[in-house]
Amino acid sequence: MRKLLFTFVFSAFFIALYGQQGVQYTSFMFNKLGFNPAYAGSNDCPCLSGIHRSQWIAFEGAPTSQTVNFHMPMFAKRVGMGLSLQHDQIGPTDSYWASLGYAYRIPFKKGNLSVGLQASMRSYSVDLTDARTIQGNDNAVMNGTANKVLPNFGAGLYWLSDKFYAGMSIPYIVGNDLGVLNQLSSNSDFGNEERHWYGMAGVKIDASKNLAIKPAAMFKYVQDAPADLDLHASLIFYETFGIGATYRLGGFDFSGGDSFDIIAHLNLGKFTIGGAYDVSLSEVREYSSGTFEVFLEYCMKNNDDKLTNPRFFF
């Protein structure tokens, strides 16, 4: 069974070369900078956040991801700067990203439009030291480690008003070569970083004085892979506590969806803490106990600050 699971994850890695290569989060509304550089500075104060995701618990070689973001406004809040550090591991592959984002805010009567640019560096490695294959001496799976450092750049747009936001982005535009086996032997492999298109949107609906409904959506598209969509809605009580659910399609070749997710979060003034749990709907549920995330954010606002984008509007 262990060999079977490893083979599944290892095969999924190569399929992912033409699929979703970017880090995936259920709590995407708390990780906008990781997807869109135009979000930098939109909180109108310096903010530091972190998020951890363990996908497919108890599944050997399953993905784990972490992101740390920091962003702040500058120059009379017309410019935003952001730094995003990301890590993603799946099976024998390990990736680290460092991304620097710049956003310029253009004010309009009903909101602000931010135009963002991003420069990034990715350290990508494959460790086949402990690879176990069904067929012995499989030349397609060499023994050893290999690493590449890959520069890239991206761009994005982000619109923000009091009760609505929308954004689109391409965080990584250059299609870098991911082939590494030629570092271990005379064999070669192929695969490129594919351009990822992200679209996000959300709206705040005031149901009563102390209750708000906040639908949100995240759209993901990669060439030669099925488009994906996360649909989310939360109930926010007293601008303090929120609980909601997300349905992830897992591609538009509809087969029951990929997961159903629960997310909860608590606003403690300058701090926001929360977590999410995904229930798998695909066949992987037979081998996994689900997926969980935890996140924390600290915004360095003054007590009398009124943010253009309150933390609970996502």
C-alpha atoms as a PDB file:
ATOM      1  CA  MET A   1       0.000   0.000   0.000  1.00  0.00           C
ATOM      2  CA  ARG A   2       2.830   2.410   0.838  1.00  0.00           C
ATOM      3  CA  LYS A   3       4.353   1.823  -2.613  1.00  0.00           C
ATOM      4  CA  LEU A   4       0.963   2.342  -4.211  1.00  0.00           C
ATOM      5  CA  LEU A   5       0.436   5.634  -2.408  1.00  0.00           C
ATOM      6  CA  PHE A   6       3.898   6.877  -3.314  1.00  0.00           C
ATOM      7  CA  THR A   7       3.328   5.930  -6.942  1.00  0.00           C
ATOM      8  CA  PHE A   8       0.033   7.855  -6.887  1.00  0.00           C
ATOM      9  CA  VAL A   9       1.631  10.994  -5.454  1.00  0.00           C
ATOM     10  CA  PHE A  10       4.673  10.744  -7.730  1.00  0.00           C
ATOM     11  CA  SER A  11       2.460  10.314 -10.775  1.00  0.00           C
ATOM     12  CA  ALA A  12       0.287  13.205  -9.646  1.00  0.00           C
ATOM     13  CA  PHE A  13       3.407  15.357  -9.509  1.00  0.00           C
ATOM     14  CA  PHE A  14       4.174  14.784 -13.180  1.00  0.00           C
ATOM     15  CA  ILE A  15       0.527  15.300 -14.135  1.00  0.00           C
ATOM     16  CA  ALA A  16       0.670  18.573 -12.216  1.00  0.00           C
ATOM     17  CA  LEU A  17       3.300  19.816 -14.650  1.00  0.00           C
ATOM     18  CA  TYR A  18       0.334  20.463 -16.902  1.00  0.00           C
ATOM     19  CA  GLY A  19      -2.051  21.173 -14.039  1.00  0.00           C
ATOM     20  CA  GLN A  20      -2.303  23.374 -10.978  1.00  0.00           C
ATOM     21  CA  GLN A  21       1.292  24.083  -9.910  1.00  0.00           C
ATOM     22  CA  GLY A  22       0.537  26.974  -7.563  1.00  0.00           C
ATOM     23  CA  VAL A  23      -0.102  26.705  -3.845  1.00  0.00           C
ATOM     24  CA  GLN A  24      -3.786  26.138  -3.020  1.00  0.00           C
ATOM     25  CA  TYR A  25      -5.529  27.481   0.083  1.00  0.00           C
ATOM     26  CA  THR A  26      -9.110  27.163   1.277  1.00  0.00           C
ATOM     27  CA  SER A  27      -8.557  30.396   3.246  1.00  0.00           C
ATOM     28  CA  PHE A  28      -7.721  32.264   0.042  1.00  0.00           C
ATOM     29  CA  MET A  29      -9.485  35.390   1.316  1.00  0.00           C
ATOM     30  CA  PHE A  30      -6.765  35.663   3.989  1.00  0.00           C
ATOM     31  CA  ASN A  31      -3.920  35.125   1.514  1.00  0.00           C
ATOM     32  CA  LYS A  32      -4.649  37.551  -1.327  1.00  0.00           C
ATOM     33  CA  LEU A  33      -1.083  38.848  -1.511  1.00  0.00           C
ATOM     34  CA  GLY A  34       0.094  35.309  -2.265  1.00  0.00           C
ATOM     35  CA  PHE A  35      -2.030  35.367  -5.425  1.00  0.00           C
ATOM     36  CA  ASN A  36      -2.132  39.022  -6.456  1.00  0.00           C
ATOM     37  CA  PRO A  37       0.614  41.667  -6.023  1.00  0.00           C
ATOM     38  CA  ALA A  38      -1.944  44.460  -6.552  1.00  0.00           C
ATOM     39  CA  TYR A  39      -3.364  43.678  -3.093  1.00  0.00           C
ATOM     40  CA  ALA A  40      -0.233  45.121  -1.402  1.00  0.00           C
ATOM     41  CA  GLY A  41      -1.062  48.018   0.914  1.00  0.00           C
ATOM     42  CA  SER A  42      -4.833  47.676   0.566  1.00  0.00           C
ATOM     43  CA  ASN A  43      -5.367  47.360   4.342  1.00  0.00           C
ATOM     44  CA  ASP A  44      -4.133  50.964   4.779  1.00  0.00           C
ATOM     45  CA  CYS A  45      -1.704  49.813   7.505  1.00  0.00           C
ATOM     46  CA  PRO A  46       1.204  47.345   7.818  1.00  0.00           C
ATOM     47  CA  CYS A  47      -0.032  43.746   8.104  1.00  0.00           C
ATOM     48  CA  LEU A  48       1.834  40.509   8.808  1.00  0.00           C
ATOM     49  CA  SER A  49       0.167  37.149   8.247  1.00  0.00           C
ATOM     50  CA  GLY A  50       0.946  33.445   8.120  1.00  0.00           C
ATOM     51  CA  ILE A  51      -0.943  30.374   6.966  1.00  0.00           C
ATOM     52  CA  HIS A  52      -0.252  26.626   7.084  1.00  0.00           C
ATOM     53  CA  ARG A  53      -2.018  23.908   5.087  1.00  0.00           C
ATOM     54  CA  SER A  54      -1.723  20.124   5.527  1.00  0.00           C
ATOM     55  CA  GLN A  55      -3.541  18.440   2.667  1.00  0.00           C
ATOM     56  CA  TRP A  56      -4.855  14.868   2.690  1.00  0.00           C
ATOM     57  CA  ILE A  57      -3.970  14.001   6.296  1.00  0.00           C
ATOM     58  CA  ALA A  58      -2.449  10.504   6.715  1.00  0.00           C
ATOM     59  CA  PHE A  59      -1.663  10.330   2.987  1.00  0.00           C
ATOM     60  CA  GLU A  60       2.045   9.577   2.527  1.00  0.00           C
ATOM     61  CA  GLY A  61       3.803  12.265   0.491  1.00  0.00           C
ATOM     62  CA  ALA A  62       0.744  14.546   0.567  1.00  0.00           C
ATOM     63  CA  PRO A  63       1.137  18.304  -0.054  1.00  0.00           C
ATOM     64  CA  THR A  64       1.999  20.669   2.792  1.00  0.00           C
ATOM     65  CA  SER A  65       2.183  24.431   2.283  1.00  0.00           C
ATOM     66  CA  GLN A  66       3.105  27.534   4.268  1.00  0.00           C
ATOM     67  CA  THR A  67       2.976  31.228   3.408  1.00  0.00           C
ATOM     68  CA  VAL A  68       4.147  34.336   5.269  1.00  0.00           C
ATOM     69  CA  ASN A  69       3.030  37.729   3.929  1.00  0.00           C
ATOM     70  CA  PHE A  70       3.919  41.287   4.884  1.00  0.00           C
ATOM     71  CA  HIS A  71       2.584  44.387   3.135  1.00  0.00           C
ATOM     72  CA  MET A  72       2.118  48.074   3.890  1.00  0.00           C
ATOM     73  CA  PRO A  73       1.035  51.340   2.261  1.00  0.00           C
ATOM     74  CA  MET A  74       3.540  54.090   1.428  1.00  0.00           C
ATOM     75  CA  PHE A  75       3.602  57.617   0.008  1.00  0.00           C
ATOM     76  CA  ALA A  76       0.232  58.837   1.293  1.00  0.00           C
ATOM     77  CA  LYS A  77      -1.227  55.370   0.698  1.00  0.00           C
ATOM     78  CA  ARG A  78      -0.896  55.676  -3.075  1.00  0.00           C
ATOM     79  CA  VAL A  79       1.739  52.912  -3.185  1.00  0.00           C
ATOM     80  CA  GLY A  80       1.769  49.485  -1.573  1.00  0.00           C
ATOM     81  CA  MET A  81       4.775  47.210  -1.039  1.00  0.00           C
ATOM     82  CA  GLY A  82       4.561  43.542  -0.165  1.00  0.00           C
ATOM     83  CA  LEU A  83       6.798  40.549   0.543  1.00  0.00           C
ATOM     84  CA  SER A  84       5.483  36.989   0.239  1.00  0.00           C
ATOM     85  CA  LEU A  85       7.440  33.867   1.275  1.00  0.00           C
ATOM     86  CA  GLN A  86       5.894  30.553   0.255  1.00  0.00           C
ATOM     87  CA  HIS A  87       6.775  26.887   0.651  1.00  0.00           C
ATOM     88  CA  ASP A  88       5.116  23.901  -0.975  1.00  0.00           C
ATOM     89  CA  GLN A  89       6.100  20.236  -0.700  1.00  0.00           C
ATOM     90  CA  ILE A  90       4.498  17.270  -2.445  1.00  0.00           C
ATOM     91  CA  GLY A  91       6.064  13.841  -2.602  1.00  0.00           C
ATOM     92  CA  PRO A  92       9.717  14.171  -3.681  1.00  0.00           C
ATOM     93  CA  THR A  93       9.395  17.812  -4.780  1.00  0.00           C
ATOM     94  CA  ASP A  94      10.063  20.909  -2.678  1.00  0.00           C
ATOM     95  CA  SER A  95       9.573  24.551  -3.696  1.00  0.00           C
ATOM     96  CA  TYR A  96      10.331  27.860  -1.994  1.00  0.00           C
ATOM     97  CA  TRP A  97       9.226  31.221  -3.416  1.00  0.00           C
ATOM     98  CA  ALA A  98      10.262  34.729  -2.417  1.00  0.00           C
ATOM     99  CA  SER A  99       8.154  37.412  -4.096  1.00  0.00           C
ATOM    100  CA  LEU A 100       8.362  41.198  -3.895  1.00  0.00           C
ATOM    101  CA  GLY A 101       5.205  43.044  -4.921  1.00  0.00           C
ATOM    102  CA  TYR A 102       4.545  46.677  -5.833  1.00  0.00           C
ATOM    103  CA  ALA A 103       1.070  48.194  -6.160  1.00  0.00           C
ATOM    104  CA  TYR A 104       0.010  51.648  -7.322  1.00  0.00           C
ATOM    105  CA  ARG A 105      -3.452  52.772  -6.214  1.00  0.00           C
ATOM    106  CA  ILE A 106      -5.640  54.887  -8.483  1.00  0.00           C
ATOM    107  CA  PRO A 107      -8.553  56.493  -6.572  1.00  0.00           C
ATOM    108  CA  PHE A 108     -12.027  56.669  -8.069  1.00  0.00           C
ATOM    109  CA  LYS A 109     -15.264  58.070  -6.673  1.00  0.00           C
ATOM    110  CA  LYS A 110     -16.570  54.669  -5.535  1.00  0.00           C
ATOM    111  CA  GLY A 111     -13.348  52.831  -4.800  1.00  0.00           C
ATOM    112  CA  ASN A 112      -9.693  52.288  -5.640  1.00  0.00           C
ATOM    113  CA  LEU A 113      -8.050  50.407  -8.485  1.00  0.00           C
ATOM    114  CA  SER A 114      -4.583  49.015  -7.747  1.00  0.00           C
ATOM    115  CA  VAL A 115      -2.139  47.961 -10.459  1.00  0.00           C
ATOM    116  CA  GLY A 116       0.481  45.523  -9.231  1.00  0.00           C
ATOM    117  CA  LEU A 117       3.823  44.122 -10.398  1.00  0.00           C
ATOM    118  CA  GLN A 118       5.769  41.259  -8.869  1.00  0.00           C
ATOM    119  CA  ALA A 119       9.323  39.904  -9.078  1.00  0.00           C
ATOM    120  CA  SER A 120       9.964  36.456  -7.645  1.00  0.00           C
ATOM    121  CA  MET A 121      12.602  33.771  -7.192  1.00  0.00           C
ATOM    122  CA  ARG A 122      11.791  30.080  -6.832  1.00  0.00           C
ATOM    123  CA  SER A 123      14.030  27.330  -5.470  1.00  0.00           C
ATOM    124  CA  TYR A 124      12.752  24.060  -6.905  1.00  0.00           C
ATOM    125  CA  SER A 125      14.199  20.696  -5.887  1.00  0.00           C
ATOM    126  CA  VAL A 126      13.501  16.986  -6.302  1.00  0.00           C
ATOM    127  CA  ASP A 127      14.775  14.422  -3.783  1.00  0.00           C
ATOM    128  CA  LEU A 128      14.635  10.856  -5.094  1.00  0.00           C
ATOM    129  CA  THR A 129      16.902   9.396  -2.414  1.00  0.00           C
ATOM    130  CA  ASP A 130      14.060   7.499  -0.721  1.00  0.00           C
ATOM    131  CA  ALA A 131      12.020   6.818  -3.850  1.00  0.00           C
ATOM    132  CA  ARG A 132      10.453   3.354  -3.863  1.00  0.00           C
ATOM    133  CA  THR A 133       9.384   1.976  -7.218  1.00  0.00           C
ATOM    134  CA  ILE A 134       7.221  -0.981  -8.124  1.00  0.00           C
ATOM    135  CA  GLN A 135       9.719  -2.061 -10.761  1.00  0.00           C
ATOM    136  CA  GLY A 136      13.301  -2.417  -9.544  1.00  0.00           C
ATOM    137  CA  ASN A 137      16.077  -0.325 -11.129  1.00  0.00           C
ATOM    138  CA  ASP A 138      13.573   1.923 -12.856  1.00  0.00           C
ATOM    139  CA  ASN A 139      15.693   4.315 -14.950  1.00  0.00           C
ATOM    140  CA  ALA A 140      12.901   6.874 -14.934  1.00  0.00           C
ATOM    141  CA  VAL A 141      13.345   7.364 -11.183  1.00  0.00           C
ATOM    142  CA  MET A 142      16.979   8.121 -10.413  1.00  0.00           C
ATOM    143  CA  ASN A 143      18.608   8.158  -6.980  1.00  0.00           C
ATOM    144  CA  GLY A 144      19.729  11.547  -5.693  1.00  0.00           C
ATOM    145  CA  THR A 145      18.686  15.174  -5.435  1.00  0.00           C
ATOM    146  CA  ALA A 146      18.540  17.990  -7.952  1.00  0.00           C
ATOM    147  CA  ASN A 147      17.777  21.689  -7.624  1.00  0.00           C
ATOM    148  CA  LYS A 148      16.987  24.694  -9.797  1.00  0.00           C
ATOM    149  CA  VAL A 149      16.643  28.408  -9.022  1.00  0.00           C
ATOM    150  CA  LEU A 150      14.065  30.058 -11.269  1.00  0.00           C
ATOM    151  CA  PRO A 151      13.402  33.818 -11.551  1.00  0.00           C
ATOM    152  CA  ASN A 152       9.981  35.043 -12.631  1.00  0.00           C
ATOM    153  CA  PHE A 153       7.659  38.040 -12.645  1.00  0.00           C
ATOM    154  CA  GLY A 154       3.925  38.668 -12.536  1.00  0.00           C
ATOM    155  CA  ALA A 155       1.193  41.294 -12.574  1.00  0.00           C
ATOM    156  CA  GLY A 156      -2.285  41.924 -11.227  1.00  0.00           C
ATOM    157  CA  LEU A 157      -5.246  44.270 -10.858  1.00  0.00           C
ATOM    158  CA  TYR A 158      -7.314  44.757  -7.699  1.00  0.00           C
ATOM    159  CA  TRP A 159     -10.487  46.823  -7.216  1.00  0.00           C
ATOM    160  CA  LEU A 160     -11.643  47.692  -3.710  1.00  0.00           C
ATOM    161  CA  SER A 161     -14.692  49.597  -2.485  1.00  0.00           C
ATOM    162  CA  ASP A 162     -16.522  49.637   0.848  1.00  0.00           C
ATOM    163  CA  LYS A 163     -18.595  46.536   0.123  1.00  0.00           C
ATOM    164  CA  PHE A 164     -17.012  44.879  -2.915  1.00  0.00           C
ATOM    165  CA  TYR A 165     -13.653  43.688  -4.171  1.00  0.00           C
ATOM    166  CA  ALA A 166     -12.477  41.996  -7.351  1.00  0.00           C
ATOM    167  CA  GLY A 167      -9.078  41.110  -8.728  1.00  0.00           C
ATOM    168  CA  MET A 168      -7.265  39.209 -11.428  1.00  0.00           C
ATOM    169  CA  SER A 169      -3.614  38.245 -11.647  1.00  0.00           C
ATOM    170  CA  ILE A 170      -0.873  36.229 -13.324  1.00  0.00           C
ATOM    171  CA  PRO A 171       1.742  35.742 -10.569  1.00  0.00           C
ATOM    172  CA  TYR A 172       4.211  33.813 -12.741  1.00  0.00           C
ATOM    173  CA  ILE A 173       4.463  34.728 -16.406  1.00  0.00           C
ATOM    174  CA  VAL A 174       7.734  33.097 -17.509  1.00  0.00           C
ATOM    175  CA  GLY A 175       7.441  29.398 -18.443  1.00  0.00           C
ATOM    176  CA  ASN A 176      10.664  28.189 -16.811  1.00  0.00           C
ATOM    177  CA  ASP A 177      12.002  24.719 -17.560  1.00  0.00           C
ATOM    178  CA  LEU A 178      11.440  22.384 -14.578  1.00  0.00           C
ATOM    179  CA  GLY A 179      13.450  19.455 -15.937  1.00  0.00           C
ATOM    180  CA  VAL A 180      16.013  18.227 -13.380  1.00  0.00           C
ATOM    181  CA  LEU A 181      16.774  14.552 -14.134  1.00  0.00           C
ATOM    182  CA  ASN A 182      19.695  15.505 -16.392  1.00  0.00           C
ATOM    183  CA  GLN A 183      21.474  16.611 -13.208  1.00  0.00           C
ATOM    184  CA  LEU A 184      21.335  13.016 -11.913  1.00  0.00           C
ATOM    185  CA  SER A 185      21.988  10.964 -15.046  1.00  0.00           C
ATOM    186  CA  SER A 186      21.968  11.012 -18.821  1.00  0.00           C
ATOM    187  CA  ASN A 187      18.163  10.846 -18.708  1.00  0.00           C
ATOM    188  CA  SER A 188      16.057  13.931 -19.236  1.00  0.00           C
ATOM    189  CA  ASP A 189      12.564  14.962 -18.254  1.00  0.00           C
ATOM    190  CA  PHE A 190      10.344  17.815 -19.321  1.00  0.00           C
ATOM    191  CA  GLY A 191       7.909  20.205 -17.770  1.00  0.00           C
ATOM    192  CA  ASN A 192       7.426  23.947 -17.596  1.00  0.00           C
ATOM    193  CA  GLU A 193       6.041  26.424 -15.122  1.00  0.00           C
ATOM    194  CA  GLU A 194       2.660  27.174 -16.608  1.00  0.00           C
ATOM    195  CA  ARG A 195       0.970  30.564 -16.418  1.00  0.00           C
ATOM    196  CA  HIS A 196      -1.649  30.596 -13.678  1.00  0.00           C
ATOM    197  CA  TRP A 197      -4.593  32.968 -14.051  1.00  0.00           C
ATOM    198  CA  TYR A 198      -6.415  33.862 -10.839  1.00  0.00           C
ATOM    199  CA  GLY A 199      -9.663  35.737 -10.453  1.00  0.00           C
ATOM    200  CA  MET A 200     -11.218  36.655  -7.107  1.00  0.00           C
ATOM    201  CA  ALA A 201     -14.263  38.584  -5.982  1.00  0.00           C
ATOM    202  CA  GLY A 202     -16.311  39.183  -2.850  1.00  0.00           C
ATOM    203  CA  VAL A 203     -19.191  41.286  -1.603  1.00  0.00           C
ATOM    204  CA  LYS A 204     -20.527  42.339   1.802  1.00  0.00           C
ATOM    205  CA  ILE A 205     -24.289  42.174   2.361  1.00  0.00           C
ATOM    206  CA  ASP A 206     -25.560  43.695   5.611  1.00  0.00           C
ATOM    207  CA  ALA A 207     -28.416  41.472   6.786  1.00  0.00           C
ATOM    208  CA  SER A 208     -28.868  43.390  10.028  1.00  0.00           C
ATOM    209  CA  LYS A 209     -26.936  45.671  12.362  1.00  0.00           C
ATOM    210  CA  ASN A 210     -24.906  42.787  13.795  1.00  0.00           C
ATOM    211  CA  LEU A 211     -24.938  40.276  10.951  1.00  0.00           C
ATOM    212  CA  ALA A 212     -23.295  40.384   7.530  1.00  0.00           C
ATOM    213  CA  ILE A 213     -23.261  37.824   4.724  1.00  0.00           C
ATOM    214  CA  LYS A 214     -20.058  37.727   2.710  1.00  0.00           C
ATOM    215  CA  PRO A 215     -19.954  35.577  -0.429  1.00  0.00           C
ATOM    216  CA  ALA A 216     -16.591  35.191  -2.167  1.00  0.00           C
ATOM    217  CA  ALA A 217     -15.130  33.245  -5.069  1.00  0.00           C
ATOM    218  CA  MET A 218     -11.725  32.228  -6.390  1.00  0.00           C
ATOM    219  CA  PHE A 219     -11.272  31.214 -10.039  1.00  0.00           C
ATOM    220  CA  LYS A 220      -8.126  29.382 -11.194  1.00  0.00           C
ATOM    221  CA  TYR A 221      -7.061  28.560 -14.723  1.00  0.00           C
ATOM    222  CA  VAL A 222      -3.969  26.912 -16.183  1.00  0.00           C
ATOM    223  CA  GLN A 223      -3.551  26.062 -19.853  1.00  0.00           C
ATOM    224  CA  ASP A 224      -4.184  22.363 -20.629  1.00  0.00           C
ATOM    225  CA  ALA A 225      -5.818  21.822 -17.216  1.00  0.00           C
ATOM    226  CA  PRO A 226      -9.483  22.016 -16.167  1.00  0.00           C
ATOM    227  CA  ALA A 227     -10.518  25.429 -14.863  1.00  0.00           C
ATOM    228  CA  ASP A 228     -11.327  25.426 -11.153  1.00  0.00           C
ATOM    229  CA  LEU A 229     -13.656  27.471  -8.954  1.00  0.00           C
ATOM    230  CA  ASP A 230     -14.003  27.881  -5.182  1.00  0.00           C
ATOM    231  CA  LEU A 231     -17.402  29.203  -4.034  1.00  0.00           C
ATOM    232  CA  HIS A 232     -17.542  30.544  -0.483  1.00  0.00           C
ATOM    233  CA  ALA A 233     -20.015  32.256   1.850  1.00  0.00           C
ATOM    234  CA  SER A 234     -19.592  33.350   5.470  1.00  0.00           C
ATOM    235  CA  LEU A 235     -21.809  34.740   8.190  1.00  0.00           C
ATOM    236  CA  ILE A 236     -20.113  37.470  10.247  1.00  0.00           C
ATOM    237  CA  PHE A 237     -21.512  38.221  13.703  1.00  0.00           C
ATOM    238  CA  TYR A 238     -20.822  41.593  15.365  1.00  0.00           C
ATOM    239  CA  GLU A 239     -17.811  42.085  13.041  1.00  0.00           C
ATOM    240  CA  THR A 240     -16.029  39.709  15.412  1.00  0.00           C
ATOM    241  CA  PHE A 241     -16.758  36.073  14.634  1.00  0.00           C
ATOM    242  CA  GLY A 242     -17.265  34.464  11.251  1.00  0.00           C
ATOM    243  CA  ILE A 243     -18.163  30.978  10.097  1.00  0.00           C
ATOM    244  CA  GLY A 244     -18.669  29.816   6.541  1.00  0.00           C
ATOM    245  CA  ALA A 245     -18.401  27.086   3.951  1.00  0.00           C
ATOM    246  CA  THR A 246     -16.641  26.604   0.622  1.00  0.00           C
ATOM    247  CA  TYR A 247     -17.401  24.258  -2.257  1.00  0.00           C
ATOM    248  CA  ARG A 248     -14.474  23.480  -4.556  1.00  0.00           C
ATOM    249  CA  LEU A 249     -15.419  22.199  -7.980  1.00  0.00           C
ATOM    250  CA  GLY A 250     -12.053  20.615  -8.743  1.00  0.00           C
ATOM    251  CA  GLY A 251     -12.444  21.307 -12.467  1.00  0.00           C
ATOM    252  CA  PHE A 252     -15.430  21.976 -14.673  1.00  0.00           C
ATOM    253  CA  ASP A 253     -15.518  18.377 -15.908  1.00  0.00           C
ATOM    254  CA  PHE A 254     -18.023  18.004 -13.060  1.00  0.00           C
ATOM    255  CA  SER A 255     -17.803  14.727 -11.166  1.00  0.00           C
ATOM    256  CA  GLY A 256     -19.203  15.655  -7.762  1.00  0.00           C
ATOM    257  CA  GLY A 257     -16.608  18.266  -6.854  1.00  0.00           C
ATOM    258  CA  ASP A 258     -13.257  18.143  -5.115  1.00  0.00           C
ATOM    259  CA  SER A 259     -14.077  19.155  -1.536  1.00  0.00           C
ATOM    260  CA  PHE A 260     -16.524  20.742   0.875  1.00  0.00           C
ATOM    261  CA  ASP A 261     -14.819  23.024   3.376  1.00  0.00           C
ATOM    262  CA  ILE A 262     -15.650  24.694   6.692  1.00  0.00           C
ATOM    263  CA  ILE A 263     -13.841  27.865   7.775  1.00  0.00           C
ATOM    264  CA  ALA A 264     -14.080  29.853  11.021  1.00  0.00           C
ATOM    265  CA  HIS A 265     -12.252  33.003  12.141  1.00  0.00           C
ATOM    266  CA  LEU A 266     -12.149  35.403  15.056  1.00  0.00           C
ATOM    267  CA  ASN A 267     -11.256  39.108  15.031  1.00  0.00           C
ATOM    268  CA  LEU A 268      -9.447  40.191  18.201  1.00  0.00           C
ATOM    269  CA  GLY A 269      -8.800  43.799  17.228  1.00  0.00           C
ATOM    270  CA  LYS A 270      -5.350  43.878  15.684  1.00  0.00           C
ATOM    271  CA  PHE A 271      -5.255  40.059  15.485  1.00  0.00           C
ATOM    272  CA  THR A 272      -7.268  37.695  13.342  1.00  0.00           C
ATOM    273  CA  ILE A 273      -7.010  33.941  13.909  1.00  0.00           C
ATOM    274  CA  GLY A 274      -8.815  31.097  12.214  1.00  0.00           C
ATOM    275  CA  GLY A 275      -8.782  27.706  10.619  1.00  0.00           C
ATOM    276  CA  ALA A 276     -10.370  25.576   7.932  1.00  0.00           C
ATOM    277  CA  TYR A 277     -11.111  21.911   7.377  1.00  0.00           C
ATOM    278  CA  ASP A 278     -11.686  20.306   3.982  1.00  0.00           C
ATOM    279  CA  VAL A 279     -13.719  17.137   3.482  1.00  0.00           C
ATOM    280  CA  SER A 280     -12.581  15.425   0.290  1.00  0.00           C
ATOM    281  CA  LEU A 281     -15.299  14.491  -2.199  1.00  0.00           C
ATOM    282  CA  SER A 282     -13.032  12.786  -4.723  1.00  0.00           C
ATOM    283  CA  GLU A 283     -11.677   9.232  -4.558  1.00  0.00           C
ATOM    284  CA  VAL A 284      -8.727  10.410  -2.461  1.00  0.00           C
ATOM    285  CA  ARG A 285     -11.087  10.413   0.563  1.00  0.00           C
ATOM    286  CA  GLU A 286     -10.540   6.636   0.783  1.00  0.00           C
ATOM    287  CA  TYR A 287      -6.897   7.242   1.783  1.00  0.00           C
ATOM    288  CA  SER A 288      -7.120  10.544   3.655  1.00  0.00           C
ATOM    289  CA  SER A 289      -8.683  12.053   6.777  1.00  0.00           C
ATOM    290  CA  GLY A 290      -9.236  15.422   5.098  1.00  0.00           C
ATOM    291  CA  THR A 291      -7.245  18.669   4.998  1.00  0.00           C
ATOM    292  CA  PHE A 292      -6.741  21.402   7.586  1.00  0.00           C
ATOM    293  CA  GLU A 293      -5.449  24.980   7.608  1.00  0.00           C
ATOM    294  CA  VAL A 294      -4.604  27.464  10.341  1.00  0.00           C
ATOM    295  CA  PHE A 295      -3.917  31.181   9.848  1.00  0.00           C
ATOM    296  CA  LEU A 296      -2.976  34.239  11.873  1.00  0.00           C
ATOM    297  CA  GLU A 297      -2.776  37.906  10.931  1.00  0.00           C
ATOM    298  CA  TYR A 298      -1.607  40.989  12.801  1.00  0.00           C
ATOM    299  CA  CYS A 299      -2.398  44.461  11.439  1.00  0.00           C
ATOM    300  CA  MET A 300      -0.468  47.352  13.021  1.00  0.00           C
ATOM    301  CA  LYS A 301      -3.293  49.859  13.049  1.00  0.00           C
ATOM    302  CA  ASN A 302      -3.956  52.509  15.680  1.00  0.00           C
ATOM    303  CA  ASN A 303      -7.028  52.030  17.829  1.00  0.00           C
ATOM    304  CA  ASP A 304      -8.752  54.958  16.102  1.00  0.00           C
ATOM    305  CA  ASP A 305      -7.829  53.848  12.570  1.00  0.00           C
ATOM    306  CA  LYS A 306     -10.725  53.244  10.195  1.00  0.00           C
ATOM    307  CA  LEU A 307      -9.487  50.883   7.502  1.00  0.00           C
ATOM    308  CA  THR A 308     -10.637  51.196   3.919  1.00  0.00           C
ATOM    309  CA  ASN A 309     -10.692  47.387   3.866  1.00  0.00           C
ATOM    310  CA  PRO A 310     -11.758  46.126   7.318  1.00  0.00           C
ATOM    311  CA  ARG A 311     -10.212  42.768   8.110  1.00  0.00           C
ATOM    312  CA  PHE A 312     -13.567  41.012   8.044  1.00  0.00           C
ATOM    313  CA  PHE A 313     -14.381  42.234   4.575  1.00  0.00           C
ATOM    314  CA  PHE A 314     -12.733  39.660   2.321  1.00  0.00           C
END
